[in-house]
Amino acid sequence: MFPGLNPKKMQAMMKQLGIKQEDINAERVIIEKSDGKIIIEEPSVVKVNMQGQETFQISGNVREENIEEGSEEENKEQLEKDIQTIMEKTSKDKEEVVLCLEKNEGDIAATILELSE
């Protein structure tokens, strides 16, 4: 952290300031974002507790995955499951469900409500 500073002195200073550090043994860290994930392989994770506030310092091999990288087959399977669920809840045919689901921009709850009226 500070070059030339004795690690024991550094720990003593941190203790005086109320800062506690703890190494976390982790194999992988995944941060989920709205548009994908940040994956950190072989991470070095340190949990820092400073005056009751916990923070984490993470370093390692970083890679990102975007939602678009998800398999197209998985997306199709999920869409079919959603359509089946809506058909079961509303007793409507597939064509009507698909049109309404597109109109509601994939919002399942809104589609069920609209078709149930």
PDB file of N, CA and C in Angstrom:
ATOM      1  N   MET A   1       0.829  -1.190   0.000  1.00  0.00           N
ATOM      2  CA  MET A   1       0.000   0.000   0.000  1.00  0.00           C
ATOM      3  C   MET A   1       0.873   1.253   0.000  1.00  0.00           C
ATOM      4  N   PHE A   2       1.742   1.375   1.019  1.00  0.00           N
ATOM      5  CA  PHE A   2       2.692   2.488   1.059  1.00  0.00           C
ATOM      6  C   PHE A   2       4.091   1.892   1.008  1.00  0.00           C
ATOM      7  N   PRO A   3       4.851   2.161  -0.050  1.00  0.00           N
ATOM      8  CA  PRO A   3       6.190   1.569  -0.164  1.00  0.00           C
ATOM      9  C   PRO A   3       7.103   2.008   0.987  1.00  0.00           C
ATOM     10  N   GLY A   4       7.904   1.074   1.475  1.00  0.00           N
ATOM     11  CA  GLY A   4       8.862   1.389   2.519  1.00  0.00           C
ATOM     12  C   GLY A   4       8.286   1.403   3.931  1.00  0.00           C
ATOM     13  N   LEU A   5       6.972   1.158   4.079  1.00  0.00           N
ATOM     14  CA  LEU A   5       6.354   1.164   5.407  1.00  0.00           C
ATOM     15  C   LEU A   5       6.269  -0.256   5.926  1.00  0.00           C
ATOM     16  N   ASN A   6       6.702  -0.439   7.137  1.00  0.00           N
ATOM     17  CA  ASN A   6       6.672  -1.750   7.771  1.00  0.00           C
ATOM     18  C   ASN A   6       5.219  -2.245   7.846  1.00  0.00           C
ATOM     19  N   PRO A   7       4.935  -3.468   7.349  1.00  0.00           N
ATOM     20  CA  PRO A   7       3.553  -3.983   7.369  1.00  0.00           C
ATOM     21  C   PRO A   7       2.946  -4.038   8.774  1.00  0.00           C
ATOM     22  N   LYS A   8       3.772  -4.331   9.790  1.00  0.00           N
ATOM     23  CA  LYS A   8       3.241  -4.378  11.158  1.00  0.00           C
ATOM     24  C   LYS A   8       2.841  -2.988  11.631  1.00  0.00           C
ATOM     25  N   LYS A   9       3.641  -1.965  11.281  1.00  0.00           N
ATOM     26  CA  LYS A   9       3.287  -0.593  11.638  1.00  0.00           C
ATOM     27  C   LYS A   9       2.001  -0.178  10.927  1.00  0.00           C
ATOM     28  N   MET A  10       1.884  -0.602   9.670  1.00  0.00           N
ATOM     29  CA  MET A  10       0.697  -0.271   8.892  1.00  0.00           C
ATOM     30  C   MET A  10      -0.545  -0.881   9.547  1.00  0.00           C
ATOM     31  N   GLN A  11      -0.459  -2.141   9.971  1.00  0.00           N
ATOM     32  CA  GLN A  11      -1.595  -2.786  10.628  1.00  0.00           C
ATOM     33  C   GLN A  11      -1.926  -2.092  11.945  1.00  0.00           C
ATOM     34  N   ALA A  12      -0.923  -1.689  12.695  1.00  0.00           N
ATOM     35  CA  ALA A  12      -1.153  -0.992  13.964  1.00  0.00           C
ATOM     36  C   ALA A  12      -1.848   0.343  13.718  1.00  0.00           C
ATOM     37  N   MET A  13      -1.437   1.060  12.673  1.00  0.00           N
ATOM     38  CA  MET A  13      -2.062   2.343  12.346  1.00  0.00           C
ATOM     39  C   MET A  13      -3.520   2.130  11.934  1.00  0.00           C
ATOM     40  N   MET A  14      -3.745   1.097  11.128  1.00  0.00           N
ATOM     41  CA  MET A  14      -5.112   0.820  10.681  1.00  0.00           C
ATOM     42  C   MET A  14      -6.004   0.458  11.862  1.00  0.00           C
ATOM     43  N   LYS A  15      -5.445  -0.306  12.815  1.00  0.00           N
ATOM     44  CA  LYS A  15      -6.213  -0.685  14.000  1.00  0.00           C
ATOM     45  C   LYS A  15      -6.584   0.552  14.811  1.00  0.00           C
ATOM     46  N   GLN A  16      -5.656   1.501  14.951  1.00  0.00           N
ATOM     47  CA  GLN A  16      -5.927   2.743  15.666  1.00  0.00           C
ATOM     48  C   GLN A  16      -7.049   3.532  14.999  1.00  0.00           C
ATOM     49  N   LEU A  17      -7.099   3.483  13.690  1.00  0.00           N
ATOM     50  CA  LEU A  17      -8.127   4.208  12.937  1.00  0.00           C
ATOM     51  C   LEU A  17      -9.457   3.439  12.881  1.00  0.00           C
ATOM     52  N   GLY A  18      -9.482   2.235  13.448  1.00  0.00           N
ATOM     53  CA  GLY A  18     -10.711   1.447  13.445  1.00  0.00           C
ATOM     54  C   GLY A  18     -10.958   0.726  12.132  1.00  0.00           C
ATOM     55  N   ILE A  19      -9.884   0.434  11.411  1.00  0.00           N
ATOM     56  CA  ILE A  19     -10.005  -0.250  10.123  1.00  0.00           C
ATOM     57  C   ILE A  19      -9.564  -1.698  10.295  1.00  0.00           C
ATOM     58  N   LYS A  20     -10.467  -2.619   9.896  1.00  0.00           N
ATOM     59  CA  LYS A  20     -10.151  -4.044   9.964  1.00  0.00           C
ATOM     60  C   LYS A  20     -10.177  -4.613   8.555  1.00  0.00           C
ATOM     61  N   GLN A  21      -9.200  -5.471   8.250  1.00  0.00           N
ATOM     62  CA  GLN A  21      -9.131  -6.116   6.952  1.00  0.00           C
ATOM     63  C   GLN A  21      -9.240  -7.618   7.119  1.00  0.00           C
ATOM     64  N   GLU A  22      -9.906  -8.256   6.165  1.00  0.00           N
ATOM     65  CA  GLU A  22     -10.041  -9.708   6.197  1.00  0.00           C
ATOM     66  C   GLU A  22      -9.934 -10.225   4.766  1.00  0.00           C
ATOM     67  N   ASP A  23      -9.015 -11.169   4.533  1.00  0.00           N
ATOM     68  CA  ASP A  23      -8.900 -11.788   3.212  1.00  0.00           C
ATOM     69  C   ASP A  23     -10.043 -12.792   3.045  1.00  0.00           C
ATOM     70  N   ILE A  24     -10.675 -12.774   1.889  1.00  0.00           N
ATOM     71  CA  ILE A  24     -11.766 -13.685   1.576  1.00  0.00           C
ATOM     72  C   ILE A  24     -11.261 -14.682   0.544  1.00  0.00           C
ATOM     73  N   ASN A  25     -11.414 -15.968   0.818  1.00  0.00           N
ATOM     74  CA  ASN A  25     -11.003 -17.012  -0.112  1.00  0.00           C
ATOM     75  C   ASN A  25     -12.132 -17.211  -1.127  1.00  0.00           C
ATOM     76  N   ALA A  26     -11.945 -16.692  -2.331  1.00  0.00           N
ATOM     77  CA  ALA A  26     -12.986 -16.785  -3.361  1.00  0.00           C
ATOM     78  C   ALA A  26     -12.406 -17.402  -4.624  1.00  0.00           C
ATOM     79  N   GLU A  27     -13.234 -18.168  -5.334  1.00  0.00           N
ATOM     80  CA  GLU A  27     -12.817 -18.774  -6.596  1.00  0.00           C
ATOM     81  C   GLU A  27     -13.210 -17.908  -7.785  1.00  0.00           C
ATOM     82  N   ARG A  28     -14.328 -17.181  -7.646  1.00  0.00           N
ATOM     83  CA  ARG A  28     -14.840 -16.345  -8.730  1.00  0.00           C
ATOM     84  C   ARG A  28     -15.755 -15.290  -8.124  1.00  0.00           C
ATOM     85  N   VAL A  29     -15.752 -14.102  -8.717  1.00  0.00           N
ATOM     86  CA  VAL A  29     -16.662 -13.037  -8.307  1.00  0.00           C
ATOM     87  C   VAL A  29     -17.486 -12.659  -9.528  1.00  0.00           C
ATOM     88  N   ILE A  30     -18.818 -12.618  -9.355  1.00  0.00           N
ATOM     89  CA  ILE A  30     -19.707 -12.258 -10.451  1.00  0.00           C
ATOM     90  C   ILE A  30     -20.514 -11.038 -10.031  1.00  0.00           C
ATOM     91  N   ILE A  31     -20.441  -9.992 -10.846  1.00  0.00           N
ATOM     92  CA  ILE A  31     -21.217  -8.779 -10.613  1.00  0.00           C
ATOM     93  C   ILE A  31     -22.277  -8.729 -11.702  1.00  0.00           C
ATOM     94  N   GLU A  32     -23.550  -8.791 -11.295  1.00  0.00           N
ATOM     95  CA  GLU A  32     -24.639  -8.787 -12.262  1.00  0.00           C
ATOM     96  C   GLU A  32     -25.093  -7.364 -12.523  1.00  0.00           C
ATOM     97  N   LYS A  33     -25.105  -6.990 -13.806  1.00  0.00           N
ATOM     98  CA  LYS A  33     -25.551  -5.670 -14.222  1.00  0.00           C
ATOM     99  C   LYS A  33     -26.844  -5.830 -15.017  1.00  0.00           C
ATOM    100  N   SER A  34     -27.505  -4.734 -15.306  1.00  0.00           N
ATOM    101  CA  SER A  34     -28.753  -4.806 -16.059  1.00  0.00           C
ATOM    102  C   SER A  34     -28.508  -5.278 -17.488  1.00  0.00           C
ATOM    103  N   ASP A  35     -27.322  -5.034 -18.032  1.00  0.00           N
ATOM    104  CA  ASP A  35     -27.053  -5.426 -19.412  1.00  0.00           C
ATOM    105  C   ASP A  35     -26.007  -6.528 -19.530  1.00  0.00           C
ATOM    106  N   GLY A  36     -25.729  -7.234 -18.440  1.00  0.00           N
ATOM    107  CA  GLY A  36     -24.780  -8.343 -18.506  1.00  0.00           C
ATOM    108  C   GLY A  36     -24.122  -8.611 -17.167  1.00  0.00           C
ATOM    109  N   LYS A  37     -22.918  -9.203 -17.235  1.00  0.00           N
ATOM    110  CA  LYS A  37     -22.194  -9.574 -16.021  1.00  0.00           C
ATOM    111  C   LYS A  37     -20.733  -9.208 -16.162  1.00  0.00           C
ATOM    112  N   ILE A  38     -20.103  -8.918 -15.016  1.00  0.00           N
ATOM    113  CA  ILE A  38     -18.653  -8.790 -14.936  1.00  0.00           C
ATOM    114  C   ILE A  38     -18.200 -10.005 -14.131  1.00  0.00           C
ATOM    115  N   ILE A  39     -17.302 -10.794 -14.716  1.00  0.00           N
ATOM    116  CA  ILE A  39     -16.829 -12.011 -14.065  1.00  0.00           C
ATOM    117  C   ILE A  39     -15.342 -11.855 -13.794  1.00  0.00           C
ATOM    118  N   ILE A  40     -14.962 -12.064 -12.537  1.00  0.00           N
ATOM    119  CA  ILE A  40     -13.565 -11.940 -12.131  1.00  0.00           C
ATOM    120  C   ILE A  40     -13.082 -13.320 -11.695  1.00  0.00           C
ATOM    121  N   GLU A  41     -12.188 -13.894 -12.514  1.00  0.00           N
ATOM    122  CA  GLU A  41     -11.637 -15.220 -12.235  1.00  0.00           C
ATOM    123  C   GLU A  41     -10.374 -15.080 -11.388  1.00  0.00           C
ATOM    124  N   GLU A  42     -10.081 -16.082 -10.576  1.00  0.00           N
ATOM    125  CA  GLU A  42      -8.913 -16.100  -9.707  1.00  0.00           C
ATOM    126  C   GLU A  42      -8.765 -14.785  -8.944  1.00  0.00           C
ATOM    127  N   PRO A  43      -9.822 -14.373  -8.213  1.00  0.00           N
ATOM    128  CA  PRO A  43      -9.785 -13.066  -7.564  1.00  0.00           C
ATOM    129  C   PRO A  43      -8.988 -13.045  -6.256  1.00  0.00           C
ATOM    130  N   SER A  44      -8.496 -11.876  -5.960  1.00  0.00           N
ATOM    131  CA  SER A  44      -7.950 -11.572  -4.644  1.00  0.00           C
ATOM    132  C   SER A  44      -8.977 -10.629  -4.020  1.00  0.00           C
ATOM    133  N   VAL A  45      -9.636 -11.084  -2.951  1.00  0.00           N
ATOM    134  CA  VAL A  45     -10.722 -10.312  -2.353  1.00  0.00           C
ATOM    135  C   VAL A  45     -10.349  -9.961  -0.909  1.00  0.00           C
ATOM    136  N   VAL A  46     -10.455  -8.671  -0.593  1.00  0.00           N
ATOM    137  CA  VAL A  46     -10.192  -8.197   0.766  1.00  0.00           C
ATOM    138  C   VAL A  46     -11.435  -7.450   1.239  1.00  0.00           C
ATOM    139  N   LYS A  47     -11.953  -7.874   2.397  1.00  0.00           N
ATOM    140  CA  LYS A  47     -13.099  -7.190   3.015  1.00  0.00           C
ATOM    141  C   LYS A  47     -12.530  -6.180   4.012  1.00  0.00           C
ATOM    142  N   VAL A  48     -12.931  -4.931   3.858  1.00  0.00           N
ATOM    143  CA  VAL A  48     -12.439  -3.858   4.726  1.00  0.00           C
ATOM    144  C   VAL A  48     -13.617  -3.305   5.522  1.00  0.00           C
ATOM    145  N   ASN A  49     -13.480  -3.313   6.846  1.00  0.00           N
ATOM    146  CA  ASN A  49     -14.509  -2.758   7.715  1.00  0.00           C
ATOM    147  C   ASN A  49     -13.935  -1.503   8.346  1.00  0.00           C
ATOM    148  N   MET A  50     -14.523  -0.359   7.966  1.00  0.00           N
ATOM    149  CA  MET A  50     -14.043   0.923   8.481  1.00  0.00           C
ATOM    150  C   MET A  50     -15.212   1.644   9.126  1.00  0.00           C
ATOM    151  N   GLN A  51     -15.191   1.729  10.440  1.00  0.00           N
ATOM    152  CA  GLN A  51     -16.229   2.397  11.221  1.00  0.00           C
ATOM    153  C   GLN A  51     -17.615   1.857  10.884  1.00  0.00           C
ATOM    154  N   GLY A  52     -17.722   0.521  10.792  1.00  0.00           N
ATOM    155  CA  GLY A  52     -19.012  -0.122  10.548  1.00  0.00           C
ATOM    156  C   GLY A  52     -19.410  -0.210   9.089  1.00  0.00           C
ATOM    157  N   GLN A  53     -18.669   0.426   8.204  1.00  0.00           N
ATOM    158  CA  GLN A  53     -18.962   0.391   6.764  1.00  0.00           C
ATOM    159  C   GLN A  53     -18.091  -0.685   6.119  1.00  0.00           C
ATOM    160  N   GLU A  54     -18.724  -1.699   5.517  1.00  0.00           N
ATOM    161  CA  GLU A  54     -17.980  -2.769   4.866  1.00  0.00           C
ATOM    162  C   GLU A  54     -17.810  -2.473   3.376  1.00  0.00           C
ATOM    163  N   THR A  55     -16.591  -2.631   2.897  1.00  0.00           N
ATOM    164  CA  THR A  55     -16.307  -2.509   1.478  1.00  0.00           C
ATOM    165  C   THR A  55     -15.460  -3.703   1.064  1.00  0.00           C
ATOM    166  N   PHE A  56     -15.433  -3.965  -0.229  1.00  0.00           N
ATOM    167  CA  PHE A  56     -14.642  -5.064  -0.754  1.00  0.00           C
ATOM    168  C   PHE A  56     -13.697  -4.542  -1.818  1.00  0.00           C
ATOM    169  N   GLN A  57     -12.456  -5.000  -1.763  1.00  0.00           N
ATOM    170  CA  GLN A  57     -11.470  -4.685  -2.786  1.00  0.00           C
ATOM    171  C   GLN A  57     -11.228  -5.979  -3.559  1.00  0.00           C
ATOM    172  N   ILE A  58     -11.435  -5.922  -4.871  1.00  0.00           N
ATOM    173  CA  ILE A  58     -11.345  -7.119  -5.701  1.00  0.00           C
ATOM    174  C   ILE A  58     -10.390  -6.863  -6.855  1.00  0.00           C
ATOM    175  N   SER A  59      -9.475  -7.799  -7.069  1.00  0.00           N
ATOM    176  CA  SER A  59      -8.623  -7.748  -8.256  1.00  0.00           C
ATOM    177  C   SER A  59      -8.509  -9.162  -8.801  1.00  0.00           C
ATOM    178  N   GLY A  60      -8.251  -9.278 -10.089  1.00  0.00           N
ATOM    179  CA  GLY A  60      -8.141 -10.584 -10.723  1.00  0.00           C
ATOM    180  C   GLY A  60      -8.288 -10.466 -12.223  1.00  0.00           C
ATOM    181  N   ASN A  61      -8.522 -11.601 -12.881  1.00  0.00           N
ATOM    182  CA  ASN A  61      -8.700 -11.644 -14.333  1.00  0.00           C
ATOM    183  C   ASN A  61     -10.153 -11.321 -14.659  1.00  0.00           C
ATOM    184  N   VAL A  62     -10.372 -10.161 -15.299  1.00  0.00           N
ATOM    185  CA  VAL A  62     -11.726  -9.653 -15.529  1.00  0.00           C
ATOM    186  C   VAL A  62     -12.177  -9.927 -16.960  1.00  0.00           C
ATOM    187  N   ARG A  63     -13.441 -10.364 -17.087  1.00  0.00           N
ATOM    188  CA  ARG A  63     -14.072 -10.460 -18.407  1.00  0.00           C
ATOM    189  C   ARG A  63     -15.529 -10.057 -18.255  1.00  0.00           C
ATOM    190  N   GLU A  64     -16.116  -9.594 -19.351  1.00  0.00           N
ATOM    191  CA  GLU A  64     -17.514  -9.159 -19.320  1.00  0.00           C
ATOM    192  C   GLU A  64     -18.345 -10.002 -20.257  1.00  0.00           C
ATOM    193  N   GLU A  65     -19.590 -10.243 -19.851  1.00  0.00           N
ATOM    194  CA  GLU A  65     -20.563 -10.927 -20.693  1.00  0.00           C
ATOM    195  C   GLU A  65     -21.761 -10.016 -20.837  1.00  0.00           C
ATOM    196  N   ASN A  66     -22.186  -9.802 -22.058  1.00  0.00           N
ATOM    197  CA  ASN A  66     -23.383  -9.008 -22.307  1.00  0.00           C
ATOM    198  C   ASN A  66     -24.581  -9.927 -22.448  1.00  0.00           C
ATOM    199  N   ILE A  67     -25.760  -9.403 -22.166  1.00  0.00           N
ATOM    200  CA  ILE A  67     -26.981 -10.201 -22.266  1.00  0.00           C
ATOM    201  C   ILE A  67     -27.138 -10.769 -23.667  1.00  0.00           C
ATOM    202  N   GLU A  68     -26.751 -10.006 -24.681  1.00  0.00           N
ATOM    203  CA  GLU A  68     -26.896 -10.464 -26.054  1.00  0.00           C
ATOM    204  C   GLU A  68     -26.121 -11.744 -26.315  1.00  0.00           C
ATOM    205  N   GLU A  69     -25.100 -12.021 -25.474  1.00  0.00           N
ATOM    206  CA  GLU A  69     -24.305 -13.224 -25.661  1.00  0.00           C
ATOM    207  C   GLU A  69     -25.049 -14.480 -25.253  1.00  0.00           C
ATOM    208  N   GLY A  70     -26.195 -14.331 -24.564  1.00  0.00           N
ATOM    209  CA  GLY A  70     -27.003 -15.480 -24.187  1.00  0.00           C
ATOM    210  C   GLY A  70     -27.462 -16.204 -25.427  1.00  0.00           C
ATOM    211  N   SER A  71     -27.617 -17.484 -25.335  1.00  0.00           N
ATOM    212  CA  SER A  71     -27.962 -18.269 -26.505  1.00  0.00           C
ATOM    213  C   SER A  71     -29.357 -17.924 -27.012  1.00  0.00           C
ATOM    214  N   GLU A  72     -29.462 -17.850 -28.308  1.00  0.00           N
ATOM    215  CA  GLU A  72     -30.743 -17.538 -28.935  1.00  0.00           C
ATOM    216  C   GLU A  72     -31.750 -18.657 -28.646  1.00  0.00           C
ATOM    217  N   GLU A  73     -31.251 -19.867 -28.559  1.00  0.00           N
ATOM    218  CA  GLU A  73     -32.112 -21.021 -28.254  1.00  0.00           C
ATOM    219  C   GLU A  73     -32.736 -20.877 -26.863  1.00  0.00           C
ATOM    220  N   GLU A  74     -31.932 -20.421 -25.880  1.00  0.00           N
ATOM    221  CA  GLU A  74     -32.444 -20.213 -24.524  1.00  0.00           C
ATOM    222  C   GLU A  74     -33.537 -19.151 -24.522  1.00  0.00           C
ATOM    223  N   ASN A  75     -33.345 -18.089 -25.295  1.00  0.00           N
ATOM    224  CA  ASN A  75     -34.340 -17.019 -25.378  1.00  0.00           C
ATOM    225  C   ASN A  75     -35.643 -17.530 -25.977  1.00  0.00           C
ATOM    226  N   LYS A  76     -35.546 -18.357 -27.020  1.00  0.00           N
ATOM    227  CA  LYS A  76     -36.734 -18.930 -27.653  1.00  0.00           C
ATOM    228  C   LYS A  76     -37.478 -19.853 -26.687  1.00  0.00           C
ATOM    229  N   GLU A  77     -36.704 -20.650 -25.949  1.00  0.00           N
ATOM    230  CA  GLU A  77     -37.317 -21.571 -24.974  1.00  0.00           C
ATOM    231  C   GLU A  77     -38.066 -20.782 -23.900  1.00  0.00           C
ATOM    232  N   GLN A  78     -37.468 -19.712 -23.412  1.00  0.00           N
ATOM    233  CA  GLN A  78     -38.114 -18.895 -22.377  1.00  0.00           C
ATOM    234  C   GLN A  78     -39.379 -18.243 -22.907  1.00  0.00           C
ATOM    235  N   LEU A  79     -39.330 -17.749 -24.140  1.00  0.00           N
ATOM    236  CA  LEU A  79     -40.501 -17.134 -24.759  1.00  0.00           C
ATOM    237  C   LEU A  79     -41.632 -18.149 -24.880  1.00  0.00           C
ATOM    238  N   GLU A  80     -41.309 -19.371 -25.286  1.00  0.00           N
ATOM    239  CA  GLU A  80     -42.337 -20.422 -25.403  1.00  0.00           C
ATOM    240  C   GLU A  80     -42.951 -20.741 -24.037  1.00  0.00           C
ATOM    241  N   LYS A  81     -42.120 -20.779 -23.001  1.00  0.00           N
ATOM    242  CA  LYS A  81     -42.633 -21.024 -21.643  1.00  0.00           C
ATOM    243  C   LYS A  81     -43.570 -19.901 -21.218  1.00  0.00           C
ATOM    244  N   ASP A  82     -43.182 -18.662 -21.514  1.00  0.00           N
ATOM    245  CA  ASP A  82     -44.022 -17.510 -21.176  1.00  0.00           C
ATOM    246  C   ASP A  82     -45.365 -17.590 -21.906  1.00  0.00           C
ATOM    247  N   ILE A  83     -45.323 -17.924 -23.184  1.00  0.00           N
ATOM    248  CA  ILE A  83     -46.558 -18.036 -23.982  1.00  0.00           C
ATOM    249  C   ILE A  83     -47.459 -19.130 -23.415  1.00  0.00           C
ATOM    250  N   GLN A  84     -46.877 -20.272 -23.071  1.00  0.00           N
ATOM    251  CA  GLN A  84     -47.667 -21.374 -22.494  1.00  0.00           C
ATOM    252  C   GLN A  84     -48.313 -20.957 -21.176  1.00  0.00           C
ATOM    253  N   THR A  85     -47.558 -20.252 -20.343  1.00  0.00           N
ATOM    254  CA  THR A  85     -48.091 -19.791 -19.050  1.00  0.00           C
ATOM    255  C   THR A  85     -49.272 -18.860 -19.266  1.00  0.00           C
ATOM    256  N   ILE A  86     -49.118 -17.922 -20.189  1.00  0.00           N
ATOM    257  CA  ILE A  86     -50.199 -16.969 -20.470  1.00  0.00           C
ATOM    258  C   ILE A  86     -51.416 -17.686 -21.024  1.00  0.00           C
ATOM    259  N   MET A  87     -51.200 -18.667 -21.927  1.00  0.00           N
ATOM    260  CA  MET A  87     -52.316 -19.440 -22.502  1.00  0.00           C
ATOM    261  C   MET A  87     -53.077 -20.188 -21.405  1.00  0.00           C
ATOM    262  N   GLU A  88     -52.333 -20.770 -20.445  1.00  0.00           N
ATOM    263  CA  GLU A  88     -52.960 -21.501 -19.343  1.00  0.00           C
ATOM    264  C   GLU A  88     -53.775 -20.566 -18.452  1.00  0.00           C
ATOM    265  N   LYS A  89     -53.239 -19.384 -18.183  1.00  0.00           N
ATOM    266  CA  LYS A  89     -53.919 -18.451 -17.274  1.00  0.00           C
ATOM    267  C   LYS A  89     -55.136 -17.783 -17.907  1.00  0.00           C
ATOM    268  N   THR A  90     -55.100 -17.608 -19.242  1.00  0.00           N
ATOM    269  CA  THR A  90     -56.174 -16.833 -19.892  1.00  0.00           C
ATOM    270  C   THR A  90     -57.088 -17.657 -20.787  1.00  0.00           C
ATOM    271  N   SER A  91     -56.716 -18.897 -21.069  1.00  0.00           N
ATOM    272  CA  SER A  91     -57.482 -19.774 -21.979  1.00  0.00           C
ATOM    273  C   SER A  91     -57.598 -19.177 -23.385  1.00  0.00           C
ATOM    274  N   LYS A  92     -56.607 -18.409 -23.799  1.00  0.00           N
ATOM    275  CA  LYS A  92     -56.580 -17.818 -25.141  1.00  0.00           C
ATOM    276  C   LYS A  92     -55.669 -18.649 -26.036  1.00  0.00           C
ATOM    277  N   ASP A  93     -55.862 -18.512 -27.382  1.00  0.00           N
ATOM    278  CA  ASP A  93     -55.021 -19.275 -28.294  1.00  0.00           C
ATOM    279  C   ASP A  93     -53.656 -18.602 -28.462  1.00  0.00           C
ATOM    280  N   LYS A  94     -52.715 -19.356 -29.016  1.00  0.00           N
ATOM    281  CA  LYS A  94     -51.323 -18.915 -29.109  1.00  0.00           C
ATOM    282  C   LYS A  94     -51.181 -17.624 -29.915  1.00  0.00           C
ATOM    283  N   GLU A  95     -51.873 -17.544 -31.050  1.00  0.00           N
ATOM    284  CA  GLU A  95     -51.755 -16.366 -31.906  1.00  0.00           C
ATOM    285  C   GLU A  95     -52.162 -15.094 -31.165  1.00  0.00           C
ATOM    286  N   GLU A  96     -53.273 -15.163 -30.432  1.00  0.00           N
ATOM    287  CA  GLU A  96     -53.763 -14.001 -29.683  1.00  0.00           C
ATOM    288  C   GLU A  96     -52.772 -13.622 -28.566  1.00  0.00           C
ATOM    289  N   VAL A  97     -52.228 -14.633 -27.908  1.00  0.00           N
ATOM    290  CA  VAL A  97     -51.269 -14.397 -26.828  1.00  0.00           C
ATOM    291  C   VAL A  97     -50.005 -13.731 -27.369  1.00  0.00           C
ATOM    292  N   VAL A  98     -49.474 -14.236 -28.491  1.00  0.00           N
ATOM    293  CA  VAL A  98     -48.251 -13.687 -29.067  1.00  0.00           C
ATOM    294  C   VAL A  98     -48.444 -12.225 -29.459  1.00  0.00           C
ATOM    295  N   LEU A  99     -49.567 -11.912 -30.107  1.00  0.00           N
ATOM    296  CA  LEU A  99     -49.843 -10.533 -30.507  1.00  0.00           C
ATOM    297  C   LEU A  99     -49.926  -9.601 -29.301  1.00  0.00           C
ATOM    298  N   CYS A 100     -50.628 -10.041 -28.270  1.00  0.00           N
ATOM    299  CA  CYS A 100     -50.793  -9.212 -27.071  1.00  0.00           C
ATOM    300  C   CYS A 100     -49.457  -9.061 -26.327  1.00  0.00           C
ATOM    301  N   LEU A 101     -48.671 -10.126 -26.285  1.00  0.00           N
ATOM    302  CA  LEU A 101     -47.374 -10.088 -25.614  1.00  0.00           C
ATOM    303  C   LEU A 101     -46.437  -9.102 -26.327  1.00  0.00           C
ATOM    304  N   GLU A 102     -46.451  -9.109 -27.652  1.00  0.00           N
ATOM    305  CA  GLU A 102     -45.644  -8.148 -28.418  1.00  0.00           C
ATOM    306  C   GLU A 102     -46.116  -6.721 -28.151  1.00  0.00           C
ATOM    307  N   LYS A 103     -47.433  -6.537 -28.121  1.00  0.00           N
ATOM    308  CA  LYS A 103     -48.012  -5.213 -27.869  1.00  0.00           C
ATOM    309  C   LYS A 103     -47.571  -4.675 -26.506  1.00  0.00           C
ATOM    310  N   ASN A 104     -47.482  -5.574 -25.521  1.00  0.00           N
ATOM    311  CA  ASN A 104     -47.089  -5.193 -24.158  1.00  0.00           C
ATOM    312  C   ASN A 104     -45.575  -5.296 -23.935  1.00  0.00           C
ATOM    313  N   GLU A 105     -44.813  -5.383 -25.031  1.00  0.00           N
ATOM    314  CA  GLU A 105     -43.350  -5.399 -24.983  1.00  0.00           C
ATOM    315  C   GLU A 105     -42.790  -6.478 -24.058  1.00  0.00           C
ATOM    316  N   GLY A 106     -43.408  -7.658 -24.083  1.00  0.00           N
ATOM    317  CA  GLY A 106     -42.916  -8.791 -23.308  1.00  0.00           C
ATOM    318  C   GLY A 106     -43.345  -8.809 -21.859  1.00  0.00           C
ATOM    319  N   ASP A 107     -44.174  -7.872 -21.429  1.00  0.00           N
ATOM    320  CA  ASP A 107     -44.637  -7.808 -20.040  1.00  0.00           C
ATOM    321  C   ASP A 107     -45.727  -8.867 -19.832  1.00  0.00           C
ATOM    322  N   ILE A 108     -45.360  -9.942 -19.144  1.00  0.00           N
ATOM    323  CA  ILE A 108     -46.264 -11.078 -18.965  1.00  0.00           C
ATOM    324  C   ILE A 108     -47.492 -10.688 -18.143  1.00  0.00           C
ATOM    325  N   ALA A 109     -47.264  -9.969 -17.045  1.00  0.00           N
ATOM    326  CA  ALA A 109     -48.381  -9.591 -16.165  1.00  0.00           C
ATOM    327  C   ALA A 109     -49.383  -8.711 -16.900  1.00  0.00           C
ATOM    328  N   ALA A 110     -48.906  -7.732 -17.652  1.00  0.00           N
ATOM    329  CA  ALA A 110     -49.794  -6.846 -18.394  1.00  0.00           C
ATOM    330  C   ALA A 110     -50.570  -7.616 -19.448  1.00  0.00           C
ATOM    331  N   THR A 111     -49.926  -8.579 -20.078  1.00  0.00           N
ATOM    332  CA  THR A 111     -50.575  -9.402 -21.099  1.00  0.00           C
ATOM    333  C   THR A 111     -51.679 -10.238 -20.479  1.00  0.00           C
ATOM    334  N   ILE A 112     -51.404 -10.862 -19.351  1.00  0.00           N
ATOM    335  CA  ILE A 112     -52.432 -11.679 -18.669  1.00  0.00           C
ATOM    336  C   ILE A 112     -53.593 -10.814 -18.258  1.00  0.00           C
ATOM    337  N   LEU A 113     -53.310  -9.646 -17.696  1.00  0.00           N
ATOM    338  CA  LEU A 113     -54.399  -8.737 -17.284  1.00  0.00           C
ATOM    339  C   LEU A 113     -55.261  -8.313 -18.477  1.00  0.00           C
ATOM    340  N   GLU A 114     -54.606  -7.949 -19.565  1.00  0.00           N
ATOM    341  CA  GLU A 114     -55.346  -7.497 -20.742  1.00  0.00           C
ATOM    342  C   GLU A 114     -56.189  -8.612 -21.340  1.00  0.00           C
ATOM    343  N   LEU A 115     -55.639  -9.810 -21.420  1.00  0.00           N
ATOM    344  CA  LEU A 115     -56.386 -10.925 -22.007  1.00  0.00           C
ATOM    345  C   LEU A 115     -57.463 -11.475 -21.084  1.00  0.00           C
ATOM    346  N   SER A 116     -57.355 -11.172 -19.793  1.00  0.00           N
ATOM    347  CA  SER A 116     -58.352 -11.666 -18.833  1.00  0.00           C
ATOM    348  C   SER A 116     -59.581 -10.761 -18.770  1.00  0.00           C
ATOM    349  N   GLU A 117     -59.500  -9.570 -19.340  1.00  0.00           N
ATOM    350  CA  GLU A 117     -60.624  -8.628 -19.276  1.00  0.00           C
ATOM    351  C   GLU A 117     -61.765  -9.073 -20.157  1.00  0.00           C
TER     352      GLU A 117
END
